[in-house]
Structure formats: structure tokens, C-alpha cells
N, C-alpha and C. Protein backbone atom coordinates (compact mmCIF):
# COMPACT_ATOMS: atom_id res chain seq x y z
N MET A 1 0.86 -1.17 0.00
CA MET A 1 0.00 0.00 0.00
C MET A 1 0.91 1.24 0.00
N SER A 2 0.49 2.24 -0.70
CA SER A 2 1.30 3.45 -0.80
C SER A 2 1.31 4.21 0.53
N PRO A 3 2.36 4.98 0.79
CA PRO A 3 2.41 5.77 2.03
C PRO A 3 1.22 6.73 2.16
N LEU A 4 0.78 7.29 1.05
CA LEU A 4 -0.36 8.21 1.10
C LEU A 4 -1.62 7.48 1.57
N LEU A 5 -1.87 6.29 1.02
CA LEU A 5 -3.05 5.54 1.42
C LEU A 5 -2.94 5.08 2.87
N GLN A 6 -1.75 4.73 3.30
CA GLN A 6 -1.55 4.35 4.70
C GLN A 6 -1.86 5.54 5.62
N GLN A 7 -1.41 6.71 5.23
CA GLN A 7 -1.66 7.91 6.02
C GLN A 7 -3.16 8.22 6.07
N ARG A 8 -3.82 8.10 4.94
CA ARG A 8 -5.26 8.36 4.90
C ARG A 8 -6.03 7.36 5.75
N ALA A 9 -5.64 6.08 5.66
CA ALA A 9 -6.31 5.04 6.46
C ALA A 9 -6.11 5.30 7.95
N ALA A 10 -4.91 5.68 8.34
CA ALA A 10 -4.63 5.97 9.74
C ALA A 10 -5.46 7.17 10.22
N ALA A 11 -5.64 8.15 9.36
CA ALA A 11 -6.41 9.34 9.73
C ALA A 11 -7.90 9.01 9.90
N GLU A 12 -8.38 7.96 9.26
CA GLU A 12 -9.79 7.58 9.36
C GLU A 12 -10.09 6.80 10.63
N LEU A 13 -9.09 6.19 11.25
CA LEU A 13 -9.32 5.32 12.40
C LEU A 13 -10.07 6.00 13.55
N PRO A 14 -9.71 7.23 13.94
CA PRO A 14 -10.48 7.86 15.03
C PRO A 14 -11.94 8.09 14.66
N HIS A 15 -12.19 8.39 13.41
CA HIS A 15 -13.57 8.62 12.96
C HIS A 15 -14.37 7.32 13.00
N LEU A 16 -13.74 6.23 12.54
CA LEU A 16 -14.42 4.93 12.57
C LEU A 16 -14.65 4.47 14.01
N ALA A 17 -13.71 4.76 14.90
CA ALA A 17 -13.90 4.41 16.31
C ALA A 17 -15.10 5.17 16.89
N ARG A 18 -15.26 6.41 16.51
CA ARG A 18 -16.39 7.21 16.97
C ARG A 18 -17.71 6.63 16.45
N VAL A 19 -17.72 6.19 15.20
CA VAL A 19 -18.93 5.58 14.63
C VAL A 19 -19.28 4.32 15.41
N ARG A 20 -18.26 3.49 15.71
CA ARG A 20 -18.51 2.27 16.49
C ARG A 20 -19.06 2.61 17.88
N GLU A 21 -18.50 3.65 18.50
CA GLU A 21 -18.95 4.07 19.83
C GLU A 21 -20.42 4.50 19.79
N LEU A 22 -20.77 5.30 18.81
CA LEU A 22 -22.16 5.78 18.71
C LEU A 22 -23.10 4.64 18.36
N ALA A 23 -22.65 3.71 17.54
CA ALA A 23 -23.49 2.56 17.18
C ALA A 23 -23.74 1.70 18.41
N ALA A 24 -22.72 1.52 19.24
CA ALA A 24 -22.89 0.72 20.45
C ALA A 24 -23.90 1.38 21.39
N ARG A 25 -23.85 2.69 21.48
CA ARG A 25 -24.82 3.41 22.33
C ARG A 25 -26.23 3.22 21.83
N ALA A 26 -26.37 3.11 20.51
CA ALA A 26 -27.69 2.94 19.90
C ALA A 26 -28.14 1.48 19.93
N GLY A 27 -27.29 0.60 20.48
CA GLY A 27 -27.66 -0.81 20.58
C GLY A 27 -27.36 -1.61 19.33
N ARG A 28 -26.56 -1.08 18.44
CA ARG A 28 -26.21 -1.80 17.22
C ARG A 28 -24.81 -2.40 17.36
N ARG A 29 -24.68 -3.67 17.00
CA ARG A 29 -23.37 -4.31 17.09
C ARG A 29 -22.48 -3.94 15.91
N THR A 30 -23.07 -3.82 14.74
CA THR A 30 -22.29 -3.51 13.55
C THR A 30 -22.84 -2.27 12.88
N PRO A 31 -22.09 -1.17 12.91
CA PRO A 31 -22.59 0.05 12.26
C PRO A 31 -22.49 -0.07 10.74
N ALA A 32 -23.31 0.67 10.07
CA ALA A 32 -23.23 0.74 8.61
C ALA A 32 -22.32 1.91 8.25
N VAL A 33 -21.31 1.64 7.47
CA VAL A 33 -20.42 2.69 6.99
C VAL A 33 -20.61 2.77 5.49
N ILE A 34 -21.12 3.88 5.03
CA ILE A 34 -21.42 4.08 3.62
C ILE A 34 -20.23 4.77 2.97
N PRO A 35 -19.72 4.23 1.86
CA PRO A 35 -18.58 4.86 1.21
C PRO A 35 -18.96 6.21 0.59
N MET A 36 -17.99 7.09 0.48
CA MET A 36 -18.23 8.37 -0.17
C MET A 36 -18.44 8.10 -1.67
N LEU A 37 -19.50 8.63 -2.20
CA LEU A 37 -19.83 8.44 -3.61
C LEU A 37 -19.81 9.78 -4.33
N ALA A 38 -19.72 9.73 -5.64
CA ALA A 38 -19.71 10.96 -6.44
C ALA A 38 -21.04 11.71 -6.31
N ALA A 39 -22.13 10.94 -6.16
CA ALA A 39 -23.46 11.55 -6.01
C ALA A 39 -24.17 10.90 -4.83
N ASP A 40 -24.92 11.69 -4.07
CA ASP A 40 -25.66 11.15 -2.94
C ASP A 40 -26.72 10.16 -3.42
N PRO A 41 -26.87 9.02 -2.71
CA PRO A 41 -27.91 8.07 -3.10
C PRO A 41 -29.27 8.57 -2.62
N ILE A 42 -30.09 9.00 -3.55
CA ILE A 42 -31.40 9.55 -3.22
C ILE A 42 -32.46 8.66 -3.84
N GLY A 43 -33.40 8.24 -3.02
CA GLY A 43 -34.48 7.39 -3.50
C GLY A 43 -34.22 5.92 -3.23
N GLN A 44 -35.29 5.14 -3.30
CA GLN A 44 -35.21 3.72 -2.97
C GLN A 44 -34.26 2.97 -3.91
N ALA A 45 -34.32 3.24 -5.20
CA ALA A 45 -33.46 2.52 -6.15
C ALA A 45 -31.99 2.79 -5.87
N ALA A 46 -31.65 4.04 -5.62
CA ALA A 46 -30.25 4.40 -5.36
C ALA A 46 -29.77 3.79 -4.06
N LEU A 47 -30.61 3.79 -3.03
CA LEU A 47 -30.23 3.19 -1.75
C LEU A 47 -30.10 1.67 -1.88
N SER A 48 -30.95 1.06 -2.66
CA SER A 48 -30.86 -0.38 -2.88
C SER A 48 -29.56 -0.76 -3.58
N ARG A 49 -29.10 0.10 -4.47
CA ARG A 49 -27.83 -0.19 -5.19
C ARG A 49 -26.65 -0.23 -4.23
N LEU A 50 -26.73 0.50 -3.11
CA LEU A 50 -25.63 0.48 -2.14
C LEU A 50 -25.36 -0.93 -1.64
N SER A 51 -26.42 -1.70 -1.43
CA SER A 51 -26.22 -3.06 -0.93
C SER A 51 -25.72 -4.00 -2.02
N ALA A 52 -25.77 -3.57 -3.26
CA ALA A 52 -25.31 -4.40 -4.37
C ALA A 52 -23.87 -4.07 -4.76
N LEU A 53 -23.30 -3.01 -4.16
CA LEU A 53 -21.93 -2.64 -4.49
C LEU A 53 -20.95 -3.69 -4.00
N ASP A 54 -19.89 -3.89 -4.75
CA ASP A 54 -18.84 -4.82 -4.36
C ASP A 54 -17.82 -4.01 -3.57
N LEU A 55 -18.04 -3.92 -2.26
CA LEU A 55 -17.19 -3.11 -1.40
C LEU A 55 -16.12 -3.96 -0.76
N PRO A 56 -14.99 -3.36 -0.39
CA PRO A 56 -13.96 -4.14 0.29
C PRO A 56 -14.43 -4.61 1.66
N THR A 57 -13.87 -5.69 2.13
CA THR A 57 -14.22 -6.23 3.44
C THR A 57 -13.76 -5.24 4.52
N PRO A 58 -14.63 -4.93 5.49
CA PRO A 58 -14.24 -3.97 6.52
C PRO A 58 -13.08 -4.50 7.37
N MET A 59 -12.33 -3.55 7.91
CA MET A 59 -11.23 -3.91 8.79
C MET A 59 -11.79 -4.43 10.11
N PRO A 60 -11.16 -5.42 10.72
CA PRO A 60 -11.66 -5.91 12.00
C PRO A 60 -11.55 -4.84 13.08
N ALA A 61 -12.45 -4.92 14.04
CA ALA A 61 -12.50 -3.93 15.13
C ALA A 61 -11.33 -4.12 16.09
């Protein structure tokens, strides 16, 4: 992995930890993390496509 991507991944860790913390407070074991897309998914069809995306496997907690 390139140094830039390693730096970006490291910078995301505190944000992901915060998402996990808030999800735990809400009683959810696994939070949903939606990737940044070029356009916001608006409407049922666009939201349904999110579950059909071939996304990378999440990093273990």
C-alpha cells in the first residue's frame, strides 16, 4: 500500500472508532459505513444499489 493511502487510512481510524462508539450506544453491534460516492444516493433505487456494491471487506475492530 502506498504511504499516502496508509496515512489516509490511519487518519480515518479515530472517525471509525467514533462511529462504532455511537453505534454501540444505539444498541447496534455492527454500524453501517457508507462509502463516499460521487453523487448522494437519493431514492429507494439508489439506496438499494448500495447493498449491491462490491465493497472491500471492513477492517476488523
